[in-house]
Amino acid sequence: MSESIDAKLQSLGLALPAVTPTRGSFKAYVISGNMLYLAGKGAPAREAADHVPKVGAEVSAAQAQAYAKEVALNQLAVIKDALGSLDRVKQVVKVFGMVNAVPDFSAHTEVINGFSDLMVQVFGARGEHARSAIGVGSLPRGFAVEIEAVIEFS
């Protein structure tokens, strides 16, 4: 029998955070058939800032990649909340990552790898996915990264 995803997380020294409510007129996820659509989650949260640091200026690509990993943990918590068990994940299908970056930043792929790498580490081949990674001029709450995903489940 294969290791449960909860046991895998524990062996990796990872703990899922509490699921927080959305801050708008939308749901954290929607289920349609056997597909789970995750709303965008971002990191790091800033309640107020006169100046929001940009990836490629005050925030390094490596730090933004760590934020993307933080988003992955938050999205795993949402998946578990939605499905009751991470073992129900059949495939991480599609990921869309946004990076709040200076105009000449070009390492978007490396940043969003923080999310993608964790999905593969946790789910193995079931974590491999199609993906887009883009730069944007701003994100809600001053996030450095925001990532949404589509998950197939059984």
N, C-alpha and C. Protein backbone atom coordinates (compact mmCIF):
# COMPACT_ATOMS: atom_id res chain seq x y z
N MET A 1 0.84 -1.18 0.00
CA MET A 1 0.00 0.00 0.00
C MET A 1 0.89 1.24 0.00
N SER A 2 0.51 2.23 -0.80
CA SER A 2 1.31 3.45 -0.87
C SER A 2 1.05 4.35 0.34
N GLU A 3 2.01 5.19 0.61
CA GLU A 3 1.95 6.11 1.73
C GLU A 3 0.84 7.14 1.51
N SER A 4 0.07 7.44 2.56
CA SER A 4 -0.96 8.47 2.45
C SER A 4 -0.28 9.83 2.24
N ILE A 5 -1.04 10.76 1.66
CA ILE A 5 -0.49 12.09 1.45
C ILE A 5 -0.23 12.78 2.79
N ASP A 6 -1.08 12.57 3.78
CA ASP A 6 -0.83 13.15 5.11
C ASP A 6 0.49 12.63 5.68
N ALA A 7 0.76 11.34 5.52
CA ALA A 7 2.02 10.77 5.99
C ALA A 7 3.19 11.34 5.19
N LYS A 8 2.99 11.54 3.90
CA LYS A 8 4.03 12.11 3.04
C LYS A 8 4.37 13.52 3.51
N LEU A 9 3.34 14.33 3.79
CA LEU A 9 3.57 15.68 4.29
C LEU A 9 4.36 15.65 5.60
N GLN A 10 3.97 14.75 6.48
CA GLN A 10 4.65 14.63 7.77
C GLN A 10 6.12 14.24 7.56
N SER A 11 6.37 13.30 6.65
CA SER A 11 7.75 12.88 6.40
C SER A 11 8.59 14.00 5.80
N LEU A 12 7.93 14.94 5.12
CA LEU A 12 8.62 16.10 4.55
C LEU A 12 8.76 17.24 5.56
N GLY A 13 8.19 17.04 6.76
CA GLY A 13 8.24 18.07 7.79
C GLY A 13 7.32 19.25 7.51
N LEU A 14 6.24 19.00 6.75
CA LEU A 14 5.31 20.06 6.37
C LEU A 14 3.99 19.93 7.12
N ALA A 15 3.46 21.05 7.54
CA ALA A 15 2.15 21.08 8.19
C ALA A 15 1.25 22.02 7.40
N LEU A 16 0.01 21.61 7.20
CA LEU A 16 -0.93 22.46 6.48
C LEU A 16 -1.46 23.55 7.40
N PRO A 17 -1.56 24.76 6.89
CA PRO A 17 -2.12 25.86 7.69
C PRO A 17 -3.64 25.74 7.78
N ALA A 18 -4.23 26.52 8.66
CA ALA A 18 -5.69 26.60 8.73
C ALA A 18 -6.20 27.26 7.46
N VAL A 19 -7.36 26.83 7.00
CA VAL A 19 -7.99 27.45 5.84
C VAL A 19 -8.64 28.75 6.30
N THR A 20 -8.34 29.82 5.61
CA THR A 20 -8.90 31.12 5.97
C THR A 20 -10.05 31.45 5.02
N PRO A 21 -11.03 32.21 5.51
CA PRO A 21 -12.15 32.58 4.63
C PRO A 21 -11.70 33.54 3.54
N THR A 22 -12.43 33.55 2.44
CA THR A 22 -12.11 34.48 1.36
C THR A 22 -12.47 35.90 1.80
N ARG A 23 -11.87 36.85 1.13
CA ARG A 23 -12.11 38.26 1.46
C ARG A 23 -12.82 38.94 0.30
N GLY A 24 -13.85 38.31 -0.20
CA GLY A 24 -14.57 38.90 -1.32
C GLY A 24 -15.80 38.10 -1.66
N SER A 25 -16.41 38.44 -2.76
CA SER A 25 -17.64 37.80 -3.21
C SER A 25 -17.32 36.59 -4.09
N PHE A 26 -16.58 35.66 -3.52
CA PHE A 26 -16.22 34.45 -4.25
C PHE A 26 -15.94 33.34 -3.25
N LYS A 27 -15.88 32.11 -3.75
CA LYS A 27 -15.59 30.95 -2.93
C LYS A 27 -14.12 30.56 -3.08
N ALA A 28 -13.58 29.88 -2.07
CA ALA A 28 -12.20 29.42 -2.13
C ALA A 28 -12.03 28.33 -3.18
N TYR A 29 -13.13 27.62 -3.46
CA TYR A 29 -13.11 26.56 -4.47
C TYR A 29 -14.52 26.30 -4.97
N VAL A 30 -14.59 25.68 -6.14
CA VAL A 30 -15.85 25.22 -6.71
C VAL A 30 -15.60 23.82 -7.24
N ILE A 31 -16.53 22.92 -6.96
CA ILE A 31 -16.47 21.56 -7.49
C ILE A 31 -17.48 21.45 -8.62
N SER A 32 -17.03 20.93 -9.75
CA SER A 32 -17.90 20.65 -10.89
C SER A 32 -17.52 19.27 -11.41
N GLY A 33 -18.45 18.31 -11.27
CA GLY A 33 -18.13 16.94 -11.65
C GLY A 33 -17.00 16.43 -10.79
N ASN A 34 -15.94 15.95 -11.42
CA ASN A 34 -14.79 15.46 -10.66
C ASN A 34 -13.61 16.43 -10.75
N MET A 35 -13.94 17.70 -10.96
CA MET A 35 -12.91 18.74 -11.04
C MET A 35 -13.08 19.73 -9.90
N LEU A 36 -11.97 20.11 -9.30
CA LEU A 36 -11.93 21.08 -8.22
C LEU A 36 -11.18 22.31 -8.74
N TYR A 37 -11.86 23.45 -8.72
CA TYR A 37 -11.28 24.70 -9.20
C TYR A 37 -10.94 25.55 -7.98
N LEU A 38 -9.65 25.83 -7.81
CA LEU A 38 -9.18 26.59 -6.66
C LEU A 38 -9.03 28.06 -7.03
N ALA A 39 -9.64 28.94 -6.24
CA ALA A 39 -9.45 30.37 -6.42
C ALA A 39 -7.99 30.70 -6.12
N GLY A 40 -7.55 31.83 -6.62
CA GLY A 40 -6.18 32.26 -6.37
C GLY A 40 -5.92 32.50 -4.89
N LYS A 41 -4.75 32.04 -4.44
CA LYS A 41 -4.24 32.31 -3.09
C LYS A 41 -2.92 33.03 -3.27
N GLY A 42 -2.64 33.95 -2.35
CA GLY A 42 -1.41 34.72 -2.48
C GLY A 42 -0.57 34.73 -1.22
N ALA A 43 0.67 35.19 -1.39
CA ALA A 43 1.60 35.34 -0.27
C ALA A 43 2.63 36.38 -0.65
N PRO A 44 3.22 37.06 0.31
CA PRO A 44 2.81 37.12 1.71
C PRO A 44 1.68 38.12 1.87
N ALA A 45 0.85 37.92 2.88
CA ALA A 45 -0.26 38.84 3.13
C ALA A 45 0.27 40.12 3.77
N ARG A 46 -0.18 41.22 3.28
CA ARG A 46 0.14 42.53 3.87
C ARG A 46 -1.17 43.26 4.06
N GLU A 47 -1.46 43.64 5.28
CA GLU A 47 -2.71 44.35 5.54
C GLU A 47 -2.66 45.77 4.98
N ALA A 48 -1.54 46.43 5.16
CA ALA A 48 -1.39 47.79 4.66
C ALA A 48 0.08 48.06 4.41
N ALA A 49 0.33 48.77 3.35
CA ALA A 49 1.71 49.13 3.04
C ALA A 49 1.71 50.36 2.16
N ASP A 50 2.52 51.31 2.52
CA ASP A 50 2.65 52.49 1.67
C ASP A 50 3.39 52.11 0.38
N HIS A 51 4.29 51.17 0.52
CA HIS A 51 5.05 50.71 -0.63
C HIS A 51 5.05 49.19 -0.64
N VAL A 52 4.57 48.61 -1.73
CA VAL A 52 4.55 47.15 -1.87
C VAL A 52 5.82 46.73 -2.59
N PRO A 53 6.66 45.93 -1.94
CA PRO A 53 7.90 45.47 -2.59
C PRO A 53 7.59 44.64 -3.84
N LYS A 54 8.41 44.81 -4.85
CA LYS A 54 8.24 44.10 -6.12
C LYS A 54 9.29 43.00 -6.27
N VAL A 55 8.86 41.89 -6.85
CA VAL A 55 9.80 40.82 -7.18
C VAL A 55 10.73 41.36 -8.29
N GLY A 56 11.99 41.16 -8.09
CA GLY A 56 12.98 41.68 -9.03
C GLY A 56 13.58 43.00 -8.56
N ALA A 57 13.02 43.55 -7.48
CA ALA A 57 13.60 44.76 -6.86
C ALA A 57 13.87 44.42 -5.39
N GLU A 58 12.93 44.72 -4.51
CA GLU A 58 13.12 44.46 -3.08
C GLU A 58 12.93 43.00 -2.70
N VAL A 59 12.24 42.23 -3.52
CA VAL A 59 12.00 40.80 -3.27
C VAL A 59 12.77 40.00 -4.32
N SER A 60 13.63 39.10 -3.86
CA SER A 60 14.42 38.28 -4.80
C SER A 60 13.56 37.17 -5.40
N ALA A 61 14.01 36.63 -6.49
CA ALA A 61 13.33 35.49 -7.10
C ALA A 61 13.28 34.32 -6.12
N ALA A 62 14.35 34.11 -5.36
CA ALA A 62 14.38 33.01 -4.39
C ALA A 62 13.35 33.21 -3.28
N GLN A 63 13.21 34.44 -2.80
CA GLN A 63 12.20 34.71 -1.76
C GLN A 63 10.80 34.53 -2.34
N ALA A 64 10.58 35.00 -3.55
CA ALA A 64 9.27 34.84 -4.19
C ALA A 64 8.97 33.35 -4.41
N GLN A 65 9.99 32.56 -4.72
CA GLN A 65 9.80 31.12 -4.87
C GLN A 65 9.37 30.51 -3.54
N ALA A 66 9.92 30.98 -2.43
CA ALA A 66 9.49 30.51 -1.11
C ALA A 66 8.04 30.91 -0.84
N TYR A 67 7.63 32.09 -1.30
CA TYR A 67 6.23 32.49 -1.17
C TYR A 67 5.33 31.57 -1.99
N ALA A 68 5.79 31.17 -3.17
CA ALA A 68 5.00 30.25 -4.00
C ALA A 68 4.83 28.90 -3.30
N LYS A 69 5.85 28.45 -2.60
CA LYS A 69 5.74 27.22 -1.82
C LYS A 69 4.73 27.41 -0.69
N GLU A 70 4.74 28.58 -0.06
CA GLU A 70 3.75 28.90 0.98
C GLU A 70 2.34 28.83 0.41
N VAL A 71 2.15 29.36 -0.80
CA VAL A 71 0.84 29.28 -1.46
C VAL A 71 0.47 27.83 -1.70
N ALA A 72 1.43 27.00 -2.10
CA ALA A 72 1.15 25.58 -2.32
C ALA A 72 0.61 24.92 -1.06
N LEU A 73 1.23 25.21 0.09
CA LEU A 73 0.74 24.64 1.35
C LEU A 73 -0.68 25.11 1.66
N ASN A 74 -0.95 26.40 1.39
CA ASN A 74 -2.30 26.92 1.60
C ASN A 74 -3.30 26.26 0.66
N GLN A 75 -2.91 26.06 -0.58
CA GLN A 75 -3.82 25.40 -1.53
C GLN A 75 -4.03 23.93 -1.17
N LEU A 76 -3.00 23.26 -0.67
CA LEU A 76 -3.19 21.88 -0.20
C LEU A 76 -4.21 21.84 0.94
N ALA A 77 -4.18 22.82 1.82
CA ALA A 77 -5.15 22.89 2.91
C ALA A 77 -6.56 23.08 2.36
N VAL A 78 -6.71 23.90 1.32
CA VAL A 78 -8.02 24.11 0.70
C VAL A 78 -8.49 22.82 0.02
N ILE A 79 -7.59 22.13 -0.67
CA ILE A 79 -7.95 20.86 -1.31
C ILE A 79 -8.45 19.87 -0.27
N LYS A 80 -7.73 19.77 0.83
CA LYS A 80 -8.14 18.84 1.90
C LYS A 80 -9.49 19.23 2.48
N ASP A 81 -9.72 20.53 2.65
CA ASP A 81 -11.01 21.02 3.13
C ASP A 81 -12.13 20.66 2.15
N ALA A 82 -11.86 20.82 0.88
CA ALA A 82 -12.87 20.56 -0.16
C ALA A 82 -13.19 19.08 -0.32
N LEU A 83 -12.15 18.25 -0.29
CA LEU A 83 -12.31 16.82 -0.62
C LEU A 83 -12.31 15.90 0.60
N GLY A 84 -11.94 16.42 1.76
CA GLY A 84 -11.89 15.60 2.96
C GLY A 84 -10.59 14.84 3.10
N SER A 85 -9.90 14.58 2.01
CA SER A 85 -8.63 13.85 2.03
C SER A 85 -7.82 14.20 0.79
N LEU A 86 -6.54 14.45 0.99
CA LEU A 86 -5.65 14.70 -0.15
C LEU A 86 -5.42 13.44 -0.98
N ASP A 87 -5.73 12.28 -0.42
CA ASP A 87 -5.57 11.03 -1.15
C ASP A 87 -6.55 10.92 -2.32
N ARG A 88 -7.57 11.76 -2.34
CA ARG A 88 -8.55 11.75 -3.44
C ARG A 88 -8.04 12.46 -4.69
N VAL A 89 -6.92 13.18 -4.58
CA VAL A 89 -6.38 13.90 -5.75
C VAL A 89 -5.91 12.87 -6.77
N LYS A 90 -6.50 12.96 -7.95
CA LYS A 90 -6.11 12.09 -9.06
C LYS A 90 -5.01 12.74 -9.89
N GLN A 91 -5.14 14.08 -10.10
CA GLN A 91 -4.16 14.79 -10.90
C GLN A 91 -4.25 16.29 -10.64
N VAL A 92 -3.12 16.93 -10.46
CA VAL A 92 -3.06 18.38 -10.52
C VAL A 92 -3.00 18.69 -12.02
N VAL A 93 -4.05 19.31 -12.54
CA VAL A 93 -4.21 19.45 -13.99
C VAL A 93 -3.58 20.72 -14.54
N LYS A 94 -3.92 21.86 -13.93
CA LYS A 94 -3.49 23.15 -14.48
C LYS A 94 -3.20 24.11 -13.34
N VAL A 95 -2.14 24.87 -13.48
CA VAL A 95 -1.74 25.88 -12.51
C VAL A 95 -1.54 27.20 -13.26
N PHE A 96 -2.02 28.28 -12.65
CA PHE A 96 -1.82 29.61 -13.20
C PHE A 96 -1.19 30.47 -12.12
N GLY A 97 0.05 30.90 -12.36
CA GLY A 97 0.79 31.68 -11.37
C GLY A 97 1.05 33.09 -11.84
N MET A 98 0.84 34.04 -10.93
CA MET A 98 1.07 35.45 -11.21
C MET A 98 2.15 35.97 -10.26
N VAL A 99 3.07 36.75 -10.79
CA VAL A 99 4.18 37.29 -10.01
C VAL A 99 4.11 38.82 -10.08
N ASN A 100 4.04 39.46 -8.92
CA ASN A 100 3.99 40.92 -8.81
C ASN A 100 5.42 41.43 -8.96
N ALA A 101 5.79 41.74 -10.19
CA ALA A 101 7.20 41.98 -10.49
C ALA A 101 7.43 43.31 -11.20
N VAL A 102 8.69 43.73 -11.14
CA VAL A 102 9.10 44.90 -11.92
C VAL A 102 9.01 44.53 -13.41
N PRO A 103 8.85 45.55 -14.27
CA PRO A 103 8.62 45.26 -15.69
C PRO A 103 9.70 44.42 -16.38
N ASP A 104 10.95 44.56 -15.97
CA ASP A 104 12.00 43.82 -16.68
C ASP A 104 12.32 42.47 -16.04
N PHE A 105 11.55 42.05 -15.03
CA PHE A 105 11.77 40.74 -14.40
C PHE A 105 11.38 39.65 -15.39
N SER A 106 12.15 38.58 -15.46
CA SER A 106 11.85 37.52 -16.43
C SER A 106 11.93 36.11 -15.86
N ALA A 107 12.08 35.99 -14.53
CA ALA A 107 12.22 34.66 -13.91
C ALA A 107 10.90 34.16 -13.31
N HIS A 108 9.79 34.46 -13.97
CA HIS A 108 8.48 34.05 -13.48
C HIS A 108 8.40 32.54 -13.31
N THR A 109 8.93 31.81 -14.27
CA THR A 109 8.90 30.34 -14.21
C THR A 109 9.61 29.83 -12.97
N GLU A 110 10.78 30.38 -12.68
CA GLU A 110 11.54 29.94 -11.51
C GLU A 110 10.77 30.23 -10.22
N VAL A 111 10.09 31.36 -10.15
CA VAL A 111 9.29 31.70 -8.97
C VAL A 111 8.18 30.68 -8.77
N ILE A 112 7.40 30.42 -9.79
CA ILE A 112 6.23 29.54 -9.67
C ILE A 112 6.66 28.08 -9.51
N ASN A 113 7.93 27.78 -9.82
CA ASN A 113 8.45 26.44 -9.53
C ASN A 113 8.33 26.10 -8.04
N GLY A 114 8.32 27.10 -7.17
CA GLY A 114 8.14 26.84 -5.74
C GLY A 114 6.84 26.10 -5.48
N PHE A 115 5.79 26.46 -6.19
CA PHE A 115 4.49 25.78 -6.10
C PHE A 115 4.55 24.42 -6.79
N SER A 116 4.99 24.44 -8.04
CA SER A 116 5.01 23.21 -8.85
C SER A 116 5.87 22.12 -8.23
N ASP A 117 7.06 22.49 -7.77
CA ASP A 117 7.96 21.50 -7.19
C ASP A 117 7.33 20.83 -5.97
N LEU A 118 6.62 21.61 -5.14
CA LEU A 118 5.99 21.02 -3.96
C LEU A 118 4.86 20.07 -4.36
N MET A 119 4.09 20.42 -5.39
CA MET A 119 3.01 19.53 -5.84
C MET A 119 3.58 18.18 -6.29
N VAL A 120 4.68 18.21 -7.01
CA VAL A 120 5.31 16.96 -7.47
C VAL A 120 5.93 16.22 -6.28
N GLN A 121 6.52 16.94 -5.35
CA GLN A 121 7.11 16.31 -4.17
C GLN A 121 6.03 15.58 -3.36
N VAL A 122 4.86 16.18 -3.26
CA VAL A 122 3.77 15.62 -2.45
C VAL A 122 3.03 14.51 -3.20
N PHE A 123 2.68 14.74 -4.46
CA PHE A 123 1.82 13.81 -5.21
C PHE A 123 2.56 12.93 -6.21
N GLY A 124 3.84 13.15 -6.41
CA GLY A 124 4.56 12.39 -7.43
C GLY A 124 4.03 12.76 -8.81
N ALA A 125 3.91 11.79 -9.71
CA ALA A 125 3.44 12.05 -11.08
C ALA A 125 2.06 12.69 -11.11
N ARG A 126 1.25 12.45 -10.09
CA ARG A 126 -0.08 13.07 -10.02
C ARG A 126 0.00 14.57 -9.78
N GLY A 127 1.16 15.05 -9.36
CA GLY A 127 1.35 16.48 -9.13
C GLY A 127 1.86 17.23 -10.34
N GLU A 128 2.27 16.50 -11.40
CA GLU A 128 2.75 17.16 -12.62
C GLU A 128 1.57 17.79 -13.34
N HIS A 129 1.76 18.98 -13.91
CA HIS A 129 0.64 19.74 -14.43
C HIS A 129 1.06 20.65 -15.58
N ALA A 130 0.06 21.11 -16.33
CA ALA A 130 0.27 22.19 -17.28
C ALA A 130 0.29 23.49 -16.48
N ARG A 131 0.96 24.52 -17.00
CA ARG A 131 1.10 25.73 -16.19
C ARG A 131 1.36 26.96 -17.03
N SER A 132 0.89 28.08 -16.52
CA SER A 132 1.26 29.40 -17.03
C SER A 132 1.83 30.19 -15.87
N ALA A 133 2.83 31.01 -16.15
CA ALA A 133 3.43 31.90 -15.14
C ALA A 133 3.62 33.26 -15.81
N ILE A 134 3.00 34.28 -15.23
CA ILE A 134 3.09 35.61 -15.83
C ILE A 134 3.46 36.66 -14.79
N GLY A 135 3.94 37.79 -15.27
CA GLY A 135 4.20 38.93 -14.42
C GLY A 135 3.03 39.90 -14.49
N VAL A 136 2.73 40.52 -13.35
CA VAL A 136 1.65 41.49 -13.28
C VAL A 136 2.15 42.74 -12.56
N GLY A 137 1.43 43.86 -12.77
CA GLY A 137 1.81 45.13 -12.17
C GLY A 137 1.42 45.26 -10.71
N SER A 138 0.41 44.50 -10.27
CA SER A 138 0.00 44.51 -8.87
C SER A 138 -0.85 43.29 -8.60
N LEU A 139 -0.95 42.94 -7.31
CA LEU A 139 -1.81 41.85 -6.86
C LEU A 139 -2.52 42.29 -5.59
N PRO A 140 -3.67 41.69 -5.28
CA PRO A 140 -4.40 42.07 -4.08
C PRO A 140 -3.53 41.96 -2.83
N ARG A 141 -3.75 42.85 -1.87
CA ARG A 141 -3.09 42.83 -0.57
C ARG A 141 -1.56 42.86 -0.67
N GLY A 142 -1.05 43.29 -1.79
CA GLY A 142 0.40 43.39 -1.93
C GLY A 142 1.10 42.06 -2.06
N PHE A 143 0.36 41.01 -2.47
CA PHE A 143 1.00 39.70 -2.64
C PHE A 143 2.16 39.79 -3.61
N ALA A 144 3.21 39.02 -3.36
CA ALA A 144 4.31 38.88 -4.31
C ALA A 144 3.92 37.87 -5.38
N VAL A 145 3.16 36.84 -4.97
CA VAL A 145 2.68 35.82 -5.91
C VAL A 145 1.23 35.46 -5.57
N GLU A 146 0.49 35.08 -6.60
CA GLU A 146 -0.85 34.53 -6.45
C GLU A 146 -0.98 33.37 -7.42
N ILE A 147 -1.55 32.25 -6.92
CA ILE A 147 -1.61 31.05 -7.75
C ILE A 147 -2.98 30.40 -7.61
N GLU A 148 -3.55 30.01 -8.75
CA GLU A 148 -4.79 29.25 -8.78
C GLU A 148 -4.50 27.91 -9.45
N ALA A 149 -5.40 26.93 -9.25
CA ALA A 149 -5.15 25.61 -9.82
C ALA A 149 -6.46 24.88 -10.10
N VAL A 150 -6.35 23.88 -10.96
CA VAL A 150 -7.44 22.97 -11.27
C VAL A 150 -6.97 21.56 -10.93
N ILE A 151 -7.81 20.86 -10.15
CA ILE A 151 -7.46 19.53 -9.63
C ILE A 151 -8.52 18.53 -10.06
N GLU A 152 -8.10 17.39 -10.58
CA GLU A 152 -9.02 16.27 -10.85
C GLU A 152 -8.98 15.35 -9.64
N PHE A 153 -10.16 14.87 -9.22
CA PHE A 153 -10.21 14.00 -8.05
C PHE A 153 -11.11 12.80 -8.30
N SER A 154 -10.94 11.78 -7.44
CA SER A 154 -11.77 10.58 -7.54
C SER A 154 -12.73 10.55 -6.36
